[in-house]
Amino acid sequence: MAIPLSKLFENFHVTNRKDKSPSQKNKSSVKGDNNVVNQSIINSPVVNNINVSQHANDPKLKLTKITPLAIVEDIDSRPPMQQTTAAKAYRGQHVRWRLEFRAASPLLDGKHMITFRQIGEPIVPSVTCVIRTGEYPQLNIAPRGTKIVVDGTIRSVEGYTIRLENFVLEFDE
C-alpha cells in the first residue's frame, strides 16, 4: 500500500522551487494515452516542482522530502495502465537526497554507473547516475554505505530504478 503524499509532507515547510508565489506557480498537466488526466499525479508536490525541507532557511541544505521509495510506491500503487503516465510525471523534477553509496559498474567510454539506495531501506529502489571515471575520485576509496548527498534531476523512473541526470555528488568533509 502506498503512503499518501499528504502524509509525507506533514509538518514541513513547503517552498516553490522557482521562488514564485503560490498564485504564480506553474500549472502542470499530465495526460494519458486517452487524454485522461490523473489529478492525483498533477496535484502532487513533486510534479508541481516543489521541494519540501526541514532546512527551510538555507536553500543549499534543503533535502527533498519525498523519498525514492515513496516515488516508486506511488507509481506502483496505481492501476497498471496508469503507471507509465505516473512515472513520466516525475521526469525533470529536481531532487536532493542523502543516500548510501552501493555500487559502481563500469560502462563503455570511461564511464561508470553509480548506484545508491535510500538510507535504511532495502536494496530497492535504487537511484543511479552515470559519471566519467575520475570525475569523483572520492568514490575510488568510498566503502559501500558511505552517505552522499545527490542533487540532480530525475531522468526516468523504470521499475524500481530512478535514474538521475544533471547531478552533483556532495561528500562529507
C-alpha atoms as a PDB file:
ATOM      1  CA  MET A   1       0.000   0.000   0.000  1.00  0.00           C
ATOM      2  CA  ALA A   2       1.367   3.403  -0.986  1.00  0.00           C
ATOM      3  CA  ILE A   3       1.956   6.168   1.502  1.00  0.00           C
ATOM      4  CA  PRO A   4      -0.354   9.111   0.713  1.00  0.00           C
ATOM      5  CA  LEU A   5       1.669  12.122  -0.427  1.00  0.00           C
ATOM      6  CA  SER A   6      -0.136  14.290   2.108  1.00  0.00           C
ATOM      7  CA  LYS A   7       1.391  12.202   4.923  1.00  0.00           C
ATOM      8  CA  LEU A   8       4.900  12.703   3.517  1.00  0.00           C
ATOM      9  CA  PHE A   9       4.552  16.450   3.674  1.00  0.00           C
ATOM     10  CA  GLU A  10       3.031  16.924   7.124  1.00  0.00           C
ATOM     11  CA  ASN A  11       4.852  19.386   9.384  1.00  0.00           C
ATOM     12  CA  PHE A  12       7.318  20.533   6.742  1.00  0.00           C
ATOM     13  CA  HIS A  13       7.819  23.941   5.194  1.00  0.00           C
ATOM     14  CA  VAL A  14       6.814  23.992   1.524  1.00  0.00           C
ATOM     15  CA  THR A  15       8.502  26.330  -0.944  1.00  0.00           C
ATOM     16  CA  ASN A  16       8.209  26.633  -4.689  1.00  0.00           C
ATOM     17  CA  ARG A  17      11.489  25.678  -6.332  1.00  0.00           C
ATOM     18  CA  LYS A  18      11.280  28.608  -8.718  1.00  0.00           C
ATOM     19  CA  ASP A  19      10.658  31.047  -5.828  1.00  0.00           C
ATOM     20  CA  LYS A  20       7.297  32.159  -7.188  1.00  0.00           C
ATOM     21  CA  SER A  21       4.344  32.923  -5.037  1.00  0.00           C
ATOM     22  CA  PRO A  22       1.683  30.204  -4.859  1.00  0.00           C
ATOM     23  CA  SER A  23      -0.571  32.188  -7.205  1.00  0.00           C
ATOM     24  CA  GLN A  24       2.201  32.361  -9.836  1.00  0.00           C
ATOM     25  CA  LYS A  25       3.493  28.815  -9.700  1.00  0.00           C
ATOM     26  CA  ASN A  26       3.468  26.731 -12.848  1.00  0.00           C
ATOM     27  CA  LYS A  27       0.490  24.535 -13.508  1.00  0.00           C
ATOM     28  CA  SER A  28       1.407  21.090 -14.745  1.00  0.00           C
ATOM     29  CA  SER A  29      -0.693  18.709 -16.717  1.00  0.00           C
ATOM     30  CA  VAL A  30      -0.112  15.085 -17.403  1.00  0.00           C
ATOM     31  CA  LYS A  31      -2.198  13.303 -19.975  1.00  0.00           C
ATOM     32  CA  GLY A  32      -2.511   9.592 -20.501  1.00  0.00           C
ATOM     33  CA  ASP A  33      -2.952   7.751 -23.757  1.00  0.00           C
ATOM     34  CA  ASN A  34      -6.630   8.735 -23.951  1.00  0.00           C
ATOM     35  CA  ASN A  35      -6.082  12.316 -22.742  1.00  0.00           C
ATOM     36  CA  VAL A  36      -7.279  11.242 -19.318  1.00  0.00           C
ATOM     37  CA  VAL A  37      -5.778  13.495 -16.690  1.00  0.00           C
ATOM     38  CA  ASN A  38      -4.877  11.870 -13.401  1.00  0.00           C
ATOM     39  CA  GLN A  39      -5.486  14.641 -10.864  1.00  0.00           C
ATOM     40  CA  SER A  40      -3.554  12.896  -8.106  1.00  0.00           C
ATOM     41  CA  ILE A  41      -0.426  12.990 -10.272  1.00  0.00           C
ATOM     42  CA  ILE A  42      -0.926  16.596 -11.378  1.00  0.00           C
ATOM     43  CA  ASN A  43      -1.526  17.873  -7.862  1.00  0.00           C
ATOM     44  CA  SER A  44       1.439  16.043  -6.383  1.00  0.00           C
ATOM     45  CA  PRO A  45       4.002  18.414  -4.817  1.00  0.00           C
ATOM     46  CA  VAL A  46       6.768  16.706  -6.785  1.00  0.00           C
ATOM     47  CA  VAL A  47       5.043  17.211 -10.134  1.00  0.00           C
ATOM     48  CA  ASN A  48       4.450  20.860  -9.306  1.00  0.00           C
ATOM     49  CA  ASN A  49       8.206  21.255  -8.792  1.00  0.00           C
ATOM     50  CA  ILE A  50       8.008  21.908  -5.066  1.00  0.00           C
ATOM     51  CA  ASN A  51      10.718  20.909  -2.646  1.00  0.00           C
ATOM     52  CA  VAL A  52       9.930  20.228   0.961  1.00  0.00           C
ATOM     53  CA  SER A  53      12.564  20.527   3.637  1.00  0.00           C
ATOM     54  CA  GLN A  54      13.190  20.779   7.319  1.00  0.00           C
ATOM     55  CA  HIS A  55      16.011  23.220   6.443  1.00  0.00           C
ATOM     56  CA  ALA A  56      13.721  25.943   5.129  1.00  0.00           C
ATOM     57  CA  ASN A  57      16.102  28.847   5.851  1.00  0.00           C
ATOM     58  CA  ASP A  58      19.095  27.610   3.829  1.00  0.00           C
ATOM     59  CA  PRO A  59      18.386  26.561   0.234  1.00  0.00           C
ATOM     60  CA  LYS A  60      21.760  24.822  -0.015  1.00  0.00           C
ATOM     61  CA  LEU A  61      20.773  22.405   2.755  1.00  0.00           C
ATOM     62  CA  LYS A  62      17.277  21.562   1.559  1.00  0.00           C
ATOM     63  CA  LEU A  63      16.686  17.874   1.060  1.00  0.00           C
ATOM     64  CA  THR A  64      13.686  16.787  -0.952  1.00  0.00           C
ATOM     65  CA  LYS A  65      11.221  15.242   1.477  1.00  0.00           C
ATOM     66  CA  ILE A  66       9.649  12.784  -0.929  1.00  0.00           C
ATOM     67  CA  THR A  67      11.901   9.747  -0.978  1.00  0.00           C
ATOM     68  CA  PRO A  68      12.898   7.326  -3.740  1.00  0.00           C
ATOM     69  CA  LEU A  69      10.766   4.661  -2.034  1.00  0.00           C
ATOM     70  CA  ALA A  70       7.730   6.969  -1.911  1.00  0.00           C
ATOM     71  CA  ILE A  71       8.065   7.696  -5.638  1.00  0.00           C
ATOM     72  CA  VAL A  72       8.234   4.007  -6.536  1.00  0.00           C
ATOM     73  CA  GLU A  73       5.355   3.161  -4.163  1.00  0.00           C
ATOM     74  CA  ASP A  74       3.260   5.979  -5.641  1.00  0.00           C
ATOM     75  CA  ILE A  75       3.743   4.644  -9.165  1.00  0.00           C
ATOM     76  CA  ASP A  76       3.266   1.023  -8.105  1.00  0.00           C
ATOM     77  CA  SER A  77       0.017   1.847  -6.262  1.00  0.00           C
ATOM     78  CA  ARG A  78      -1.679   2.964  -9.471  1.00  0.00           C
ATOM     79  CA  PRO A  79      -3.538   0.711 -11.886  1.00  0.00           C
ATOM     80  CA  PRO A  80      -1.111  -0.858 -14.403  1.00  0.00           C
ATOM     81  CA  MET A  81      -2.434   1.236 -17.305  1.00  0.00           C
ATOM     82  CA  GLN A  82      -1.640   4.462 -15.370  1.00  0.00           C
ATOM     83  CA  GLN A  83       1.855   3.545 -14.174  1.00  0.00           C
ATOM     84  CA  THR A  84       3.716   4.720 -17.279  1.00  0.00           C
ATOM     85  CA  THR A  85       1.980   8.101 -17.122  1.00  0.00           C
ATOM     86  CA  ALA A  86       2.697   8.372 -13.395  1.00  0.00           C
ATOM     87  CA  ALA A  87       6.384   7.551 -13.957  1.00  0.00           C
ATOM     88  CA  LYS A  88       6.629  10.170 -16.711  1.00  0.00           C
ATOM     89  CA  ALA A  89       5.197  12.774 -14.335  1.00  0.00           C
ATOM     90  CA  TYR A  90       8.365  12.565 -12.228  1.00  0.00           C
ATOM     91  CA  ARG A  91      10.703  13.286 -15.183  1.00  0.00           C
ATOM     92  CA  GLY A  92      12.502  16.592 -14.934  1.00  0.00           C
ATOM     93  CA  GLN A  93      11.859  17.039 -11.227  1.00  0.00           C
ATOM     94  CA  HIS A  94      14.731  18.307  -9.122  1.00  0.00           C
ATOM     95  CA  VAL A  95      15.648  16.152  -6.129  1.00  0.00           C
ATOM     96  CA  ARG A  96      18.238  16.409  -3.381  1.00  0.00           C
ATOM     97  CA  TRP A  97      18.632  13.240  -1.352  1.00  0.00           C
ATOM     98  CA  ARG A  98      21.112  11.935   1.191  1.00  0.00           C
ATOM     99  CA  LEU A  99      21.716   8.347   0.026  1.00  0.00           C
ATOM    100  CA  GLU A 100      24.011   5.380   0.620  1.00  0.00           C
ATOM    101  CA  PHE A 101      26.648   4.520  -1.971  1.00  0.00           C
ATOM    102  CA  ARG A 102      26.051   0.898  -3.058  1.00  0.00           C
ATOM    103  CA  ALA A 103      27.978   0.040  -6.220  1.00  0.00           C
ATOM    104  CA  ALA A 104      29.896   1.204  -9.272  1.00  0.00           C
ATOM    105  CA  SER A 105      29.642  -0.666 -12.570  1.00  0.00           C
ATOM    106  CA  PRO A 106      31.977   0.106 -15.471  1.00  0.00           C
ATOM    107  CA  LEU A 107      30.386   1.176 -18.741  1.00  0.00           C
ATOM    108  CA  LEU A 108      31.867   1.966 -22.143  1.00  0.00           C
ATOM    109  CA  ASP A 109      33.798   5.146 -22.926  1.00  0.00           C
ATOM    110  CA  GLY A 110      35.400   5.550 -19.487  1.00  0.00           C
ATOM    111  CA  LYS A 111      32.172   5.895 -17.546  1.00  0.00           C
ATOM    112  CA  HIS A 112      30.690   4.185 -14.503  1.00  0.00           C
ATOM    113  CA  MET A 113      27.104   3.719 -13.401  1.00  0.00           C
ATOM    114  CA  ILE A 114      26.920   4.631  -9.723  1.00  0.00           C
ATOM    115  CA  THR A 115      24.145   3.049  -7.669  1.00  0.00           C
ATOM    116  CA  PHE A 116      22.731   4.443  -4.442  1.00  0.00           C
ATOM    117  CA  ARG A 117      19.943   3.386  -2.133  1.00  0.00           C
ATOM    118  CA  GLN A 118      17.781   5.201   0.339  1.00  0.00           C
ATOM    119  CA  ILE A 119      19.299   5.107   3.818  1.00  0.00           C
ATOM    120  CA  GLY A 120      17.671   2.444   5.975  1.00  0.00           C
ATOM    121  CA  GLU A 121      15.737   0.801   3.133  1.00  0.00           C
ATOM    122  CA  PRO A 122      16.294  -2.477   1.346  1.00  0.00           C
ATOM    123  CA  ILE A 123      18.218  -2.573  -1.909  1.00  0.00           C
ATOM    124  CA  VAL A 124      15.230  -1.350  -3.937  1.00  0.00           C
ATOM    125  CA  PRO A 125      14.553   1.186  -5.124  1.00  0.00           C
ATOM    126  CA  SER A 126      17.927   2.115  -6.482  1.00  0.00           C
ATOM    127  CA  VAL A 127      18.990   5.567  -7.609  1.00  0.00           C
ATOM    128  CA  THR A 128      21.556   5.614 -10.401  1.00  0.00           C
ATOM    129  CA  CYS A 129      23.664   8.141 -12.258  1.00  0.00           C
ATOM    130  CA  VAL A 130      26.490   7.868 -14.771  1.00  0.00           C
ATOM    131  CA  ILE A 131      29.834   9.550 -14.124  1.00  0.00           C
ATOM    132  CA  ARG A 132      33.078   9.774 -16.049  1.00  0.00           C
ATOM    133  CA  THR A 133      35.831   7.723 -14.490  1.00  0.00           C
ATOM    134  CA  GLY A 134      37.852  10.030 -12.239  1.00  0.00           C
ATOM    135  CA  GLU A 135      35.132  12.702 -12.042  1.00  0.00           C
ATOM    136  CA  TYR A 136      34.616  11.943  -8.334  1.00  0.00           C
ATOM    137  CA  PRO A 137      37.908  10.461  -7.052  1.00  0.00           C
ATOM    138  CA  GLN A 138      36.375  10.111  -3.554  1.00  0.00           C
ATOM    139  CA  LEU A 139      34.338   7.188  -4.920  1.00  0.00           C
ATOM    140  CA  ASN A 140      37.569   5.235  -5.572  1.00  0.00           C
ATOM    141  CA  ILE A 141      38.026   4.773  -1.833  1.00  0.00           C
ATOM    142  CA  ALA A 142      34.457   5.151  -0.559  1.00  0.00           C
ATOM    143  CA  PRO A 143      33.196   1.981   1.139  1.00  0.00           C
ATOM    144  CA  ARG A 144      29.711   0.650   0.498  1.00  0.00           C
ATOM    145  CA  GLY A 145      27.285   2.526   2.741  1.00  0.00           C
ATOM    146  CA  THR A 146      29.049   5.898   2.504  1.00  0.00           C
ATOM    147  CA  LYS A 147      26.471   8.672   2.881  1.00  0.00           C
ATOM    148  CA  ILE A 148      26.445  11.075  -0.088  1.00  0.00           C
ATOM    149  CA  VAL A 149      24.102  13.932  -0.950  1.00  0.00           C
ATOM    150  CA  VAL A 150      22.920  13.539  -4.527  1.00  0.00           C
ATOM    151  CA  ASP A 151      21.473  16.677  -6.096  1.00  0.00           C
ATOM    152  CA  GLY A 152      20.047  16.234  -9.585  1.00  0.00           C
ATOM    153  CA  THR A 153      17.130  15.853 -11.945  1.00  0.00           C
ATOM    154  CA  ILE A 154      15.037  12.723 -12.431  1.00  0.00           C
ATOM    155  CA  ARG A 155      15.669  11.416 -15.933  1.00  0.00           C
ATOM    156  CA  SER A 156      13.395   8.392 -15.622  1.00  0.00           C
ATOM    157  CA  VAL A 157      11.690   6.027 -13.235  1.00  0.00           C
ATOM    158  CA  GLU A 158      11.693   2.471 -14.541  1.00  0.00           C
ATOM    159  CA  GLY A 159      10.510  -0.298 -12.252  1.00  0.00           C
ATOM    160  CA  TYR A 160      12.489   0.061  -9.045  1.00  0.00           C
ATOM    161  CA  THR A 161      15.203   2.296 -10.520  1.00  0.00           C
ATOM    162  CA  ILE A 162      15.298   6.092 -10.514  1.00  0.00           C
ATOM    163  CA  ARG A 163      17.844   7.441 -12.986  1.00  0.00           C
ATOM    164  CA  LEU A 164      19.258  10.943 -12.441  1.00  0.00           C
ATOM    165  CA  GLU A 165      20.929  13.416 -14.779  1.00  0.00           C
ATOM    166  CA  ASN A 166      22.496  16.859 -14.305  1.00  0.00           C
ATOM    167  CA  PHE A 167      23.596  15.832 -10.840  1.00  0.00           C
ATOM    168  CA  VAL A 168      26.232  16.773  -8.299  1.00  0.00           C
ATOM    169  CA  LEU A 169      27.542  14.427  -5.609  1.00  0.00           C
ATOM    170  CA  GLU A 170      28.379  16.063  -2.271  1.00  0.00           C
ATOM    171  CA  PHE A 171      30.662  14.276   0.158  1.00  0.00           C
ATOM    172  CA  ASP A 172      31.082  14.964   3.866  1.00  0.00           C
ATOM    173  CA  GLU A 173      34.283  16.846   4.636  1.00  0.00           C
END
